[in-house]
Full PDB file with SEQRES, HELIX, SHEET, SSBOND, CRYST1, ORIGX, SCALE, CONECT and MASTER records, all heavy atoms in Angstrom:
SEQRES   1 A   46  PRO SER GLN VAL SER ALA SER HIS ARG LEU ALA LYS ILE          
SEQRES   2 A   46  TYR LEU ALA GLN LYS GLN PRO ASP LYS ALA GLU GLN VAL          
SEQRES   3 A   46  LEU LYS ASP ALA LEU GLN LYS THR PRO GLY SER SER GLU          
SEQRES   4 A   46  ALA THR LYS ALA LEU PHE GLY                                  
HELIX    1 AA1 VAL A    4  ALA A   16  1                                  13    
HELIX    2 AA2 PRO A   20  LYS A   33  1                                  14    
HELIX    3 AA3 SER A   38  PHE A   45  1                                   8    
CRYST1    1.000    1.000    1.000  90.00  90.00  90.00 P 1           1          
ORIGX1      1.000000  0.000000  0.000000        0.00000                         
ORIGX2      0.000000  1.000000  0.000000        0.00000                         
ORIGX3      0.000000  0.000000  1.000000        0.00000                         
SCALE1      1.000000  0.000000  0.000000        0.00000                         
SCALE2      0.000000  1.000000  0.000000        0.00000                         
SCALE3      0.000000  0.000000  1.000000        0.00000                         
ATOM      1  N   PRO A   1      89.945  84.879  96.572  1.00  0.00           N  
ATOM      2  CA  PRO A   1      91.133  84.096  96.127  1.00  0.00           C  
ATOM      3  C   PRO A   1      91.216  83.941  94.599  1.00  0.00           C  
ATOM      4  O   PRO A   1      92.262  83.531  94.102  1.00  0.00           O  
ATOM      5  CB  PRO A   1      90.933  82.739  96.814  1.00  0.00           C  
ATOM      6  CG  PRO A   1      90.027  83.009  97.972  1.00  0.00           C  
ATOM      7  CD  PRO A   1      89.113  84.093  97.490  1.00  0.00           C  
ATOM      8  N   SER A   2      90.143  84.248  93.869  1.00  0.00           N  
ATOM      9  CA  SER A   2      90.184  84.068  92.398  1.00  0.00           C  
ATOM     10  C   SER A   2      90.726  85.305  91.687  1.00  0.00           C  
ATOM     11  O   SER A   2      90.707  85.322  90.437  1.00  0.00           O  
ATOM     12  CB  SER A   2      88.786  83.755  91.904  1.00  0.00           C  
ATOM     13  OG  SER A   2      87.888  84.863  92.038  1.00  0.00           O  
ATOM     14  N   GLN A   3      91.208  86.267  92.421  1.00  0.00           N  
ATOM     15  CA  GLN A   3      91.754  87.488  91.783  1.00  0.00           C  
ATOM     16  C   GLN A   3      93.146  87.204  91.231  1.00  0.00           C  
ATOM     17  O   GLN A   3      94.167  87.412  91.891  1.00  0.00           O  
ATOM     18  CB  GLN A   3      91.790  88.643  92.791  1.00  0.00           C  
ATOM     19  CG  GLN A   3      90.430  89.224  93.125  1.00  0.00           C  
ATOM     20  CD  GLN A   3      89.839  89.998  91.985  1.00  0.00           C  
ATOM     21  OE1 GLN A   3      90.557  90.724  91.284  1.00  0.00           O  
ATOM     22  NE2 GLN A   3      88.556  89.888  91.780  1.00  0.00           N  
ATOM     23  N   VAL A   4      93.186  86.750  89.997  1.00  0.00           N  
ATOM     24  CA  VAL A   4      94.452  86.358  89.366  1.00  0.00           C  
ATOM     25  C   VAL A   4      95.408  87.528  89.243  1.00  0.00           C  
ATOM     26  O   VAL A   4      96.614  87.377  89.397  1.00  0.00           O  
ATOM     27  CB  VAL A   4      94.204  85.701  87.992  1.00  0.00           C  
ATOM     28  CG1 VAL A   4      95.514  85.380  87.316  1.00  0.00           C  
ATOM     29  CG2 VAL A   4      93.359  84.467  88.152  1.00  0.00           C  
ATOM     30  N   SER A   5      94.862  88.715  88.938  1.00  0.00           N  
ATOM     31  CA  SER A   5      95.743  89.896  88.817  1.00  0.00           C  
ATOM     32  C   SER A   5      96.516  90.174  90.092  1.00  0.00           C  
ATOM     33  O   SER A   5      97.690  90.522  90.075  1.00  0.00           O  
ATOM     34  CB  SER A   5      94.906  91.113  88.429  1.00  0.00           C  
ATOM     35  OG  SER A   5      94.422  91.002  87.099  1.00  0.00           O  
ATOM     36  N   ALA A   6      95.825  90.011  91.220  1.00  0.00           N  
ATOM     37  CA  ALA A   6      96.475  90.215  92.529  1.00  0.00           C  
ATOM     38  C   ALA A   6      97.547  89.163  92.717  1.00  0.00           C  
ATOM     39  O   ALA A   6      98.641  89.469  93.227  1.00  0.00           O  
ATOM     40  CB  ALA A   6      95.441  90.178  93.646  1.00  0.00           C  
ATOM     41  N   SER A   7      97.251  87.919  92.366  1.00  0.00           N  
ATOM     42  CA  SER A   7      98.254  86.831  92.495  1.00  0.00           C  
ATOM     43  C   SER A   7      99.458  87.119  91.645  1.00  0.00           C  
ATOM     44  O   SER A   7     100.597  86.951  92.109  1.00  0.00           O  
ATOM     45  CB  SER A   7      97.597  85.496  92.055  1.00  0.00           C  
ATOM     46  OG  SER A   7      96.537  85.153  92.905  1.00  0.00           O  
ATOM     47  N   HIS A   8      99.232  87.549  90.416  1.00  0.00           N  
ATOM     48  CA  HIS A   8     100.346  87.850  89.504  1.00  0.00           C  
ATOM     49  C   HIS A   8     101.225  88.981  90.062  1.00  0.00           C  
ATOM     50  O   HIS A   8     102.482  88.867  90.075  1.00  0.00           O  
ATOM     51  CB  HIS A   8      99.779  88.226  88.141  1.00  0.00           C  
ATOM     52  CG  HIS A   8     100.804  88.287  87.065  1.00  0.00           C  
ATOM     53  ND1 HIS A   8     100.511  88.657  85.764  1.00  0.00           N  
ATOM     54  CD2 HIS A   8     102.150  88.030  87.075  1.00  0.00           C  
ATOM     55  CE1 HIS A   8     101.606  88.622  85.025  1.00  0.00           C  
ATOM     56  NE2 HIS A   8     102.610  88.248  85.808  1.00  0.00           N  
ATOM     57  N   ARG A   9     100.604  90.007  90.538  1.00  0.00           N  
ATOM     58  CA  ARG A   9     101.375  91.161  91.079  1.00  0.00           C  
ATOM     59  C   ARG A   9     102.110  90.791  92.350  1.00  0.00           C  
ATOM     60  O   ARG A   9     103.205  91.244  92.613  1.00  0.00           O  
ATOM     61  CB  ARG A   9     100.424  92.352  91.272  1.00  0.00           C  
ATOM     62  CG  ARG A   9      99.859  92.859  89.992  1.00  0.00           C  
ATOM     63  CD  ARG A   9      98.807  93.937  90.210  1.00  0.00           C  
ATOM     64  NE  ARG A   9      98.024  94.172  88.980  1.00  0.00           N  
ATOM     65  CZ  ARG A   9      97.107  95.113  88.853  1.00  0.00           C  
ATOM     66  NH1 ARG A   9      96.858  95.933  89.854  1.00  0.00           N  
ATOM     67  NH2 ARG A   9      96.444  95.244  87.714  1.00  0.00           N  
ATOM     68  N   LEU A  10     101.443  89.983  93.173  1.00  0.00           N  
ATOM     69  CA  LEU A  10     102.061  89.522  94.411  1.00  0.00           C  
ATOM     70  C   LEU A  10     103.290  88.650  94.082  1.00  0.00           C  
ATOM     71  O   LEU A  10     104.345  88.768  94.738  1.00  0.00           O  
ATOM     72  CB  LEU A  10     101.063  88.734  95.256  1.00  0.00           C  
ATOM     73  CG  LEU A  10     101.550  88.241  96.624  1.00  0.00           C  
ATOM     74  CD1 LEU A  10     102.028  89.415  97.495  1.00  0.00           C  
ATOM     75  CD2 LEU A  10     100.418  87.495  97.311  1.00  0.00           C  
ATOM     76  N   ALA A  11     103.187  87.806  93.073  1.00  0.00           N  
ATOM     77  CA  ALA A  11     104.273  86.972  92.643  1.00  0.00           C  
ATOM     78  C   ALA A  11     105.463  87.818  92.207  1.00  0.00           C  
ATOM     79  O   ALA A  11     106.629  87.517  92.480  1.00  0.00           O  
ATOM     80  CB  ALA A  11     103.843  86.017  91.536  1.00  0.00           C  
ATOM     81  N   LYS A  12     105.160  88.883  91.455  1.00  0.00           N  
ATOM     82  CA  LYS A  12     106.231  89.796  91.017  1.00  0.00           C  
ATOM     83  C   LYS A  12     106.948  90.407  92.203  1.00  0.00           C  
ATOM     84  O   LYS A  12     108.190  90.601  92.163  1.00  0.00           O  
ATOM     85  CB  LYS A  12     105.643  90.887  90.116  1.00  0.00           C  
ATOM     86  CG  LYS A  12     105.246  90.433  88.725  1.00  0.00           C  
ATOM     87  CD  LYS A  12     104.714  91.577  87.911  1.00  0.00           C  
ATOM     88  CE  LYS A  12     104.367  91.172  86.495  1.00  0.00           C  
ATOM     89  NZ  LYS A  12     103.878  92.289  85.666  1.00  0.00           N  
ATOM     90  N   ILE A  13     106.220  90.754  93.223  1.00  0.00           N  
ATOM     91  CA  ILE A  13     106.815  91.338  94.412  1.00  0.00           C  
ATOM     92  C   ILE A  13     107.781  90.332  95.073  1.00  0.00           C  
ATOM     93  O   ILE A  13     108.904  90.649  95.465  1.00  0.00           O  
ATOM     94  CB  ILE A  13     105.745  91.824  95.430  1.00  0.00           C  
ATOM     95  CG1 ILE A  13     105.020  93.046  94.873  1.00  0.00           C  
ATOM     96  CG2 ILE A  13     106.361  92.144  96.772  1.00  0.00           C  
ATOM     97  CD1 ILE A  13     103.816  93.496  95.694  1.00  0.00           C  
ATOM     98  N   TYR A  14     107.296  89.089  95.197  1.00  0.00           N  
ATOM     99  CA  TYR A  14     108.156  88.039  95.810  1.00  0.00           C  
ATOM    100  C   TYR A  14     109.413  87.805  94.971  1.00  0.00           C  
ATOM    101  O   TYR A  14     110.495  87.624  95.524  1.00  0.00           O  
ATOM    102  CB  TYR A  14     107.395  86.752  95.941  1.00  0.00           C  
ATOM    103  CG  TYR A  14     106.452  86.743  97.148  1.00  0.00           C  
ATOM    104  CD1 TYR A  14     105.126  86.311  96.987  1.00  0.00           C  
ATOM    105  CD2 TYR A  14     106.864  87.130  98.389  1.00  0.00           C  
ATOM    106  CE1 TYR A  14     104.265  86.288  98.093  1.00  0.00           C  
ATOM    107  CE2 TYR A  14     106.023  87.112  99.488  1.00  0.00           C  
ATOM    108  CZ  TYR A  14     104.699  86.691  99.330  1.00  0.00           C  
ATOM    109  OH  TYR A  14     103.856  86.680 100.409  1.00  0.00           O  
ATOM    110  N   LEU A  15     109.279  87.892  93.642  1.00  0.00           N  
ATOM    111  CA  LEU A  15     110.452  87.731  92.790  1.00  0.00           C  
ATOM    112  C   LEU A  15     111.422  88.888  93.022  1.00  0.00           C  
ATOM    113  O   LEU A  15     112.660  88.693  93.052  1.00  0.00           O  
ATOM    114  CB  LEU A  15     110.037  87.670  91.333  1.00  0.00           C  
ATOM    115  CG  LEU A  15     109.427  86.351  90.874  1.00  0.00           C  
ATOM    116  CD1 LEU A  15     108.932  86.472  89.423  1.00  0.00           C  
ATOM    117  CD2 LEU A  15     110.467  85.226  90.940  1.00  0.00           C  
ATOM    118  N   ALA A  16     110.896  90.097  93.127  1.00  0.00           N  
ATOM    119  CA  ALA A  16     111.744  91.257  93.374  1.00  0.00           C  
ATOM    120  C   ALA A  16     112.436  91.151  94.732  1.00  0.00           C  
ATOM    121  O   ALA A  16     113.535  91.694  94.890  1.00  0.00           O  
ATOM    122  CB  ALA A  16     110.903  92.540  93.348  1.00  0.00           C  
ATOM    123  N   GLN A  17     111.783  90.462  95.675  1.00  0.00           N  
ATOM    124  CA  GLN A  17     112.371  90.268  96.994  1.00  0.00           C  
ATOM    125  C   GLN A  17     113.232  88.982  97.055  1.00  0.00           C  
ATOM    126  O   GLN A  17     113.643  88.558  98.120  1.00  0.00           O  
ATOM    127  CB  GLN A  17     111.271  90.179  98.043  1.00  0.00           C  
ATOM    128  CG  GLN A  17     110.510  91.499  98.244  1.00  0.00           C  
ATOM    129  CD  GLN A  17     109.362  91.382  99.239  1.00  0.00           C  
ATOM    130  OE1 GLN A  17     108.754  90.330  99.380  1.00  0.00           O  
ATOM    131  NE2 GLN A  17     109.096  92.471  99.925  1.00  0.00           N  
ATOM    132  N   LYS A  18     113.462  88.405  95.851  1.00  0.00           N  
ATOM    133  CA  LYS A  18     114.262  87.178  95.729  1.00  0.00           C  
ATOM    134  C   LYS A  18     113.698  86.021  96.553  1.00  0.00           C  
ATOM    135  O   LYS A  18     114.415  85.289  97.266  1.00  0.00           O  
ATOM    136  CB  LYS A  18     115.753  87.459  96.112  1.00  0.00           C  
ATOM    137  CG  LYS A  18     116.404  88.550  95.302  1.00  0.00           C  
ATOM    138  CD  LYS A  18     117.852  88.699  95.596  1.00  0.00           C  
ATOM    139  CE  LYS A  18     118.480  89.867  94.834  1.00  0.00           C  
ATOM    140  NZ  LYS A  18     118.268  89.789  93.367  1.00  0.00           N  
ATOM    141  N   GLN A  19     112.393  85.858  96.434  1.00  0.00           N  
ATOM    142  CA  GLN A  19     111.701  84.764  97.074  1.00  0.00           C  
ATOM    143  C   GLN A  19     110.909  83.987  96.013  1.00  0.00           C  
ATOM    144  O   GLN A  19     109.679  84.004  96.018  1.00  0.00           O  
ATOM    145  CB  GLN A  19     110.770  85.260  98.179  1.00  0.00           C  
ATOM    146  CG  GLN A  19     111.456  86.041  99.276  1.00  0.00           C  
ATOM    147  CD  GLN A  19     110.502  86.514 100.380  1.00  0.00           C  
ATOM    148  OE1 GLN A  19     109.998  85.714 101.152  1.00  0.00           O  
ATOM    149  NE2 GLN A  19     110.229  87.802 100.406  1.00  0.00           N  
ATOM    150  N   PRO A  20     111.588  83.280  95.097  1.00  0.00           N  
ATOM    151  CA  PRO A  20     110.931  82.599  94.005  1.00  0.00           C  
ATOM    152  C   PRO A  20     109.989  81.497  94.452  1.00  0.00           C  
ATOM    153  O   PRO A  20     108.987  81.214  93.772  1.00  0.00           O  
ATOM    154  CB  PRO A  20     112.058  82.053  93.145  1.00  0.00           C  
ATOM    155  CG  PRO A  20     113.235  81.984  94.089  1.00  0.00           C  
ATOM    156  CD  PRO A  20     113.073  83.141  95.048  1.00  0.00           C  
ATOM    157  N   ASP A  21     110.303  80.847  95.588  1.00  0.00           N  
ATOM    158  CA  ASP A  21     109.442  79.773  96.072  1.00  0.00           C  
ATOM    159  C   ASP A  21     108.049  80.306  96.423  1.00  0.00           C  
ATOM    160  O   ASP A  21     107.034  79.671  96.128  1.00  0.00           O  
ATOM    161  CB  ASP A  21     110.065  79.083  97.282  1.00  0.00           C  
ATOM    162  CG  ASP A  21     111.314  78.274  96.905  1.00  0.00           C  
ATOM    163  OD1 ASP A  21     111.490  78.019  95.689  1.00  0.00           O  
ATOM    164  OD2 ASP A  21     112.092  77.943  97.807  1.00  0.00           O  
ATOM    165  N   LYS A  22     108.024  81.490  97.056  1.00  0.00           N  
ATOM    166  CA  LYS A  22     106.744  82.073  97.420  1.00  0.00           C  
ATOM    167  C   LYS A  22     106.004  82.552  96.175  1.00  0.00           C  
ATOM    168  O   LYS A  22     104.767  82.399  96.068  1.00  0.00           O  
ATOM    169  CB  LYS A  22     106.954  83.275  98.384  1.00  0.00           C  
ATOM    170  CG  LYS A  22     107.344  82.859  99.791  1.00  0.00           C  
ATOM    171  CD  LYS A  22     107.355  84.073 100.720  1.00  0.00           C  
ATOM    172  CE  LYS A  22     107.657  83.673 102.146  1.00  0.00           C  
ATOM    173  NZ  LYS A  22     107.675  84.817 103.082  1.00  0.00           N  
ATOM    174  N   ALA A  23     106.740  83.074  95.209  1.00  0.00           N  
ATOM    175  CA  ALA A  23     106.110  83.494  93.973  1.00  0.00           C  
ATOM    176  C   ALA A  23     105.455  82.285  93.256  1.00  0.00           C  
ATOM    177  O   ALA A  23     104.338  82.371  92.776  1.00  0.00           O  
ATOM    178  CB  ALA A  23     107.150  84.130  93.048  1.00  0.00           C  
ATOM    179  N   GLU A  24     106.187  81.169  93.229  1.00  0.00           N  
ATOM    180  CA  GLU A  24     105.667  79.945  92.588  1.00  0.00           C  
ATOM    181  C   GLU A  24     104.390  79.482  93.302  1.00  0.00           C  
ATOM    182  O   GLU A  24     103.408  79.107  92.668  1.00  0.00           O  
ATOM    183  CB  GLU A  24     106.740  78.854  92.623  1.00  0.00           C  
ATOM    184  CG  GLU A  24     106.295  77.570  91.976  1.00  0.00           C  
ATOM    185  CD  GLU A  24     107.367  76.470  92.059  1.00  0.00           C  
ATOM    186  OE1 GLU A  24     108.373  76.689  92.761  1.00  0.00           O  
ATOM    187  OE2 GLU A  24     107.147  75.433  91.459  1.00  0.00           O  
ATOM    188  N   GLN A  25     104.425  79.479  94.612  1.00  0.00           N  
ATOM    189  CA  GLN A  25     103.269  78.991  95.376  1.00  0.00           C  
ATOM    190  C   GLN A  25     102.029  79.878  95.150  1.00  0.00           C  
ATOM    191  O   GLN A  25     100.905  79.376  94.991  1.00  0.00           O  
ATOM    192  CB  GLN A  25     103.606  78.961  96.863  1.00  0.00           C  
ATOM    193  CG  GLN A  25     102.530  78.273  97.727  1.00  0.00           C  
ATOM    194  CD  GLN A  25     102.283  76.842  97.273  1.00  0.00           C  
ATOM    195  OE1 GLN A  25     103.212  76.049  97.182  1.00  0.00           O  
ATOM    196  NE2 GLN A  25     101.034  76.513  96.947  1.00  0.00           N  
ATOM    197  N   VAL A  26     102.266  81.184  95.070  1.00  0.00           N  
ATOM    198  CA  VAL A  26     101.144  82.120  94.818  1.00  0.00           C  
ATOM    199  C   VAL A  26     100.500  81.816  93.475  1.00  0.00           C  
ATOM    200  O   VAL A  26      99.275  81.789  93.351  1.00  0.00           O  
ATOM    201  CB  VAL A  26     101.633  83.589  94.891  1.00  0.00           C  
ATOM    202  CG1 VAL A  26     100.558  84.501  94.283  1.00  0.00           C  
ATOM    203  CG2 VAL A  26     101.948  83.992  96.295  1.00  0.00           C  
ATOM    204  N   LEU A  27     101.329  81.575  92.495  1.00  0.00           N  
ATOM    205  CA  LEU A  27     100.797  81.327  91.136  1.00  0.00           C  
ATOM    206  C   LEU A  27     100.144  79.935  91.022  1.00  0.00           C  
ATOM    207  O   LEU A  27      99.146  79.768  90.329  1.00  0.00           O  
ATOM    208  CB  LEU A  27     101.893  81.451  90.095  1.00  0.00           C  
ATOM    209  CG  LEU A  27     102.465  82.875  89.948  1.00  0.00           C  
ATOM    210  CD1 LEU A  27     103.674  82.910  89.015  1.00  0.00           C  
ATOM    211  CD2 LEU A  27     101.371  83.829  89.416  1.00  0.00           C  
ATOM    212  N   LYS A  28     100.705  78.960  91.735  1.00  0.00           N  
ATOM    213  CA  LYS A  28     100.064  77.648  91.798  1.00  0.00           C  
ATOM    214  C   LYS A  28      98.706  77.720  92.462  1.00  0.00           C  
ATOM    215  O   LYS A  28      97.729  77.090  92.025  1.00  0.00           O  
ATOM    216  CB  LYS A  28     100.964  76.647  92.530  1.00  0.00           C  
ATOM    217  CG  LYS A  28     102.135  76.152  91.716  1.00  0.00           C  
ATOM    218  CD  LYS A  28     102.962  75.124  92.508  1.00  0.00           C  
ATOM    219  CE  LYS A  28     104.056  74.541  91.661  1.00  0.00           C  
ATOM    220  NZ  LYS A  28     104.859  73.560  92.469  1.00  0.00           N  
ATOM    221  N   ASP A  29      98.605  78.494  93.543  1.00  0.00           N  
ATOM    222  CA  ASP A  29      97.354  78.694  94.217  1.00  0.00           C  
ATOM    223  C   ASP A  29      96.325  79.363  93.294  1.00  0.00           C  
ATOM    224  O   ASP A  29      95.126  79.014  93.276  1.00  0.00           O  
ATOM    225  CB  ASP A  29      97.526  79.546  95.477  1.00  0.00           C  
ATOM    226  CG  ASP A  29      98.282  78.807  96.565  1.00  0.00           C  
ATOM    227  OD1 ASP A  29      98.379  77.573  96.510  1.00  0.00           O  
ATOM    228  OD2 ASP A  29      98.778  79.500  97.494  1.00  0.00           O  
ATOM    229  N   ALA A  30      96.826  80.313  92.481  1.00  0.00           N  
ATOM    230  CA  ALA A  30      95.945  81.020  91.556  1.00  0.00           C  
ATOM    231  C   ALA A  30      95.386  80.049  90.525  1.00  0.00           C  
ATOM    232  O   ALA A  30      94.175  80.096  90.191  1.00  0.00           O  
ATOM    233  CB  ALA A  30      96.690  82.146  90.839  1.00  0.00           C  
ATOM    234  N   LEU A  31      96.252  79.136  90.019  1.00  0.00           N  
ATOM    235  CA  LEU A  31      95.771  78.144  89.049  1.00  0.00           C  
ATOM    236  C   LEU A  31      94.774  77.169  89.651  1.00  0.00           C  
ATOM    237  O   LEU A  31      93.838  76.703  88.989  1.00  0.00           O  
ATOM    238  CB  LEU A  31      96.959  77.383  88.447  1.00  0.00           C  
ATOM    239  CG  LEU A  31      97.652  78.028  87.247  1.00  0.00           C  
ATOM    240  CD1 LEU A  31      98.884  77.222  86.866  1.00  0.00           C  
ATOM    241  CD2 LEU A  31      96.685  78.094  86.068  1.00  0.00           C  
ATOM    242  N   GLN A  32      94.999  76.849  90.900  1.00  0.00           N  
ATOM    243  CA  GLN A  32      94.089  75.947  91.591  1.00  0.00           C  
ATOM    244  C   GLN A  32      92.703  76.610  91.813  1.00  0.00           C  
ATOM    245  O   GLN A  32      91.654  75.961  91.627  1.00  0.00           O  
ATOM    246  CB  GLN A  32      94.665  75.543  92.966  1.00  0.00           C  
ATOM    247  CG  GLN A  32      93.823  74.521  93.692  1.00  0.00           C  
ATOM    248  CD  GLN A  32      94.443  74.091  95.015  1.00  0.00           C  
ATOM    249  OE1 GLN A  32      95.447  74.632  95.432  1.00  0.00           O  
ATOM    250  NE2 GLN A  32      93.832  73.124  95.677  1.00  0.00           N  
ATOM    251  N   LYS A  33      92.729  77.904  92.110  1.00  0.00           N  
ATOM    252  CA  LYS A  33      91.445  78.614  92.338  1.00  0.00           C  
ATOM    253  C   LYS A  33      90.757  78.966  91.022  1.00  0.00           C  
ATOM    254  O   LYS A  33      89.515  79.023  90.948  1.00  0.00           O  
ATOM    255  CB  LYS A  33      91.720  79.890  93.116  1.00  0.00           C  
ATOM    256  CG  LYS A  33      92.297  79.724  94.505  1.00  0.00           C  
ATOM    257  CD  LYS A  33      91.290  79.059  95.426  1.00  0.00           C  
ATOM    258  CE  LYS A  33      91.872  78.908  96.825  1.00  0.00           C  
ATOM    259  NZ  LYS A  33      90.949  78.189  97.749  1.00  0.00           N  
ATOM    260  N   THR A  34      91.576  79.199  89.968  1.00  0.00           N  
ATOM    261  CA  THR A  34      90.976  79.559  88.655  1.00  0.00           C  
ATOM    262  C   THR A  34      91.596  78.680  87.588  1.00  0.00           C  
ATOM    263  O   THR A  34      92.457  79.130  86.818  1.00  0.00           O  
ATOM    264  CB  THR A  34      91.255  81.052  88.338  1.00  0.00           C  
ATOM    265  OG1 THR A  34      92.638  81.294  88.416  1.00  0.00           O  
ATOM    266  CG2 THR A  34      90.530  81.935  89.315  1.00  0.00           C  
ATOM    267  N   PRO A  35      91.203  77.420  87.518  1.00  0.00           N  
ATOM    268  CA  PRO A  35      91.779  76.495  86.525  1.00  0.00           C  
ATOM    269  C   PRO A  35      91.589  77.051  85.106  1.00  0.00           C  
ATOM    270  O   PRO A  35      90.547  77.558  84.730  1.00  0.00           O  
ATOM    271  CB  PRO A  35      90.934  75.242  86.713  1.00  0.00           C  
ATOM    272  CG  PRO A  35      90.368  75.323  88.103  1.00  0.00           C  
ATOM    273  CD  PRO A  35      90.141  76.800  88.344  1.00  0.00           C  
ATOM    274  N   GLY A  36      92.648  76.933  84.316  1.00  0.00           N  
ATOM    275  CA  GLY A  36      92.587  77.417  82.949  1.00  0.00           C  
ATOM    276  C   GLY A  36      92.850  78.882  82.771  1.00  0.00           C  
ATOM    277  O   GLY A  36      92.818  79.394  81.640  1.00  0.00           O  
ATOM    278  N   SER A  37      93.214  79.577  83.842  1.00  0.00           N  
ATOM    279  CA  SER A  37      93.514  81.001  83.723  1.00  0.00           C  
ATOM    280  C   SER A  37      94.797  81.198  82.884  1.00  0.00           C  
ATOM    281  O   SER A  37      95.868  80.729  83.250  1.00  0.00           O  
ATOM    282  CB  SER A  37      93.717  81.618  85.122  1.00  0.00           C  
ATOM    283  OG  SER A  37      94.312  82.907  85.023  1.00  0.00           O  
ATOM    284  N   SER A  38      94.629  81.910  81.769  1.00  0.00           N  
ATOM    285  CA  SER A  38      95.783  82.134  80.882  1.00  0.00           C  
ATOM    286  C   SER A  38      96.827  83.052  81.572  1.00  0.00           C  
ATOM    287  O   SER A  38      98.044  82.857  81.367  1.00  0.00           O  
ATOM    288  CB  SER A  38      95.340  82.765  79.565  1.00  0.00           C  
ATOM    289  OG  SER A  38      94.683  84.016  79.778  1.00  0.00           O  
ATOM    290  N   GLU A  39      96.356  84.030  82.332  1.00  0.00           N  
ATOM    291  CA  GLU A  39      97.300  84.934  83.009  1.00  0.00           C  
ATOM    292  C   GLU A  39      98.155  84.201  84.018  1.00  0.00           C  
ATOM    293  O   GLU A  39      99.380  84.366  84.040  1.00  0.00           O  
ATOM    294  CB  GLU A  39      96.528  86.078  83.695  1.00  0.00           C  
ATOM    295  CG  GLU A  39      97.442  87.105  84.349  1.00  0.00           C  
ATOM    296  CD  GLU A  39      96.709  88.247  85.003  1.00  0.00           C  
ATOM    297  OE1 GLU A  39      95.463  88.306  84.891  1.00  0.00           O  
ATOM    298  OE2 GLU A  39      97.377  89.107  85.645  1.00  0.00           O  
ATOM    299  N   ALA A  40      97.515  83.365  84.837  1.00  0.00           N  
ATOM    300  CA  ALA A  40      98.282  82.599  85.834  1.00  0.00           C  
ATOM    301  C   ALA A  40      99.209  81.588  85.169  1.00  0.00           C  
ATOM    302  O   ALA A  40     100.340  81.403  85.595  1.00  0.00           O  
ATOM    303  CB  ALA A  40      97.316  81.905  86.794  1.00  0.00           C  
ATOM    304  N   THR A  41      98.716  80.928  84.092  1.00  0.00           N  
ATOM    305  CA  THR A  41      99.549  79.958  83.371  1.00  0.00           C  
ATOM    306  C   THR A  41     100.781  80.603  82.768  1.00  0.00           C  
ATOM    307  O   THR A  41     101.920  80.088  82.902  1.00  0.00           O  
ATOM    308  CB  THR A  41      98.710  79.287  82.273  1.00  0.00           C  
ATOM    309  OG1 THR A  41      97.562  78.664  82.848  1.00  0.00           O  
ATOM    310  CG2 THR A  41      99.551  78.246  81.525  1.00  0.00           C  
ATOM    311  N   LYS A  42     100.603  81.729  82.109  1.00  0.00           N  
ATOM    312  CA  LYS A  42     101.719  82.437  81.500  1.00  0.00           C  
ATOM    313  C   LYS A  42     102.706  82.905  82.544  1.00  0.00           C  
ATOM    314  O   LYS A  42     103.937  82.844  82.360  1.00  0.00           O  
ATOM    315  CB  LYS A  42     101.202  83.621  80.681  1.00  0.00           C  
ATOM    316  CG  LYS A  42     100.515  83.244  79.392  1.00  0.00           C  
ATOM    317  CD  LYS A  42      99.980  84.477  78.672  1.00  0.00           C  
ATOM    318  CE  LYS A  42      99.228  84.100  77.407  1.00  0.00           C  
ATOM    319  NZ  LYS A  42      98.652  85.302  76.725  1.00  0.00           N  
ATOM    320  N   ALA A  43     102.184  83.434  83.656  1.00  0.00           N  
ATOM    321  CA  ALA A  43     103.066  83.919  84.734  1.00  0.00           C  
ATOM    322  C   ALA A  43     103.896  82.781  85.319  1.00  0.00           C  
ATOM    323  O   ALA A  43     105.100  82.942  85.544  1.00  0.00           O  
ATOM    324  CB  ALA A  43     102.236  84.600  85.821  1.00  0.00           C  
ATOM    325  N   LEU A  44     103.262  81.641  85.536  1.00  0.00           N  
ATOM    326  CA  LEU A  44     103.961  80.487  86.100  1.00  0.00           C  
ATOM    327  C   LEU A  44     104.999  79.961  85.090  1.00  0.00           C  
ATOM    328  O   LEU A  44     106.150  79.627  85.473  1.00  0.00           O  
ATOM    329  CB  LEU A  44     102.988  79.401  86.491  1.00  0.00           C  
ATOM    330  CG  LEU A  44     103.553  78.231  87.292  1.00  0.00           C  
ATOM    331  CD1 LEU A  44     104.190  78.692  88.601  1.00  0.00           C  
ATOM    332  CD2 LEU A  44     102.439  77.204  87.580  1.00  0.00           C  
ATOM    333  N   PHE A  45     104.628  79.923  83.842  1.00  0.00           N  
ATOM    334  CA  PHE A  45     105.564  79.468  82.783  1.00  0.00           C  
ATOM    335  C   PHE A  45     106.753  80.399  82.721  1.00  0.00           C  
ATOM    336  O   PHE A  45     107.924  79.975  82.625  1.00  0.00           O  
ATOM    337  CB  PHE A  45     104.830  79.421  81.454  1.00  0.00           C  
ATOM    338  CG  PHE A  45     105.684  78.901  80.338  1.00  0.00           C  
ATOM    339  CD1 PHE A  45     106.113  77.577  80.276  1.00  0.00           C  
ATOM    340  CD2 PHE A  45     106.081  79.756  79.305  1.00  0.00           C  
ATOM    341  CE1 PHE A  45     106.909  77.102  79.229  1.00  0.00           C  
ATOM    342  CE2 PHE A  45     106.874  79.293  78.246  1.00  0.00           C  
ATOM    343  CZ  PHE A  45     107.285  77.979  78.230  1.00  0.00           C  
ATOM    344  N   GLY A  46     106.503  81.710  82.803  1.00  0.00           N  
ATOM    345  CA  GLY A  46     107.594  82.707  82.787  1.00  0.00           C  
ATOM    346  C   GLY A  46     108.504  82.535  83.973  1.00  0.00           C  
ATOM    347  O   GLY A  46     109.719  82.725  83.842  1.00  0.00           O  
TER     348      GLY A  46                                                      
MASTER        0    0    0    3    0    0    0    6  347    1    0    4          
END                                                                             
């Protein structure tokens, strides 16, 4: 679950499928599993 790259890419897929709520949840889960992750933080901010 700490694979932030997989979370980021999965979130992009959900966005492409017009499912922003799922994308947000994936990135929130990533931040919970890896607190302080710059990649997850930037992706969620974006």
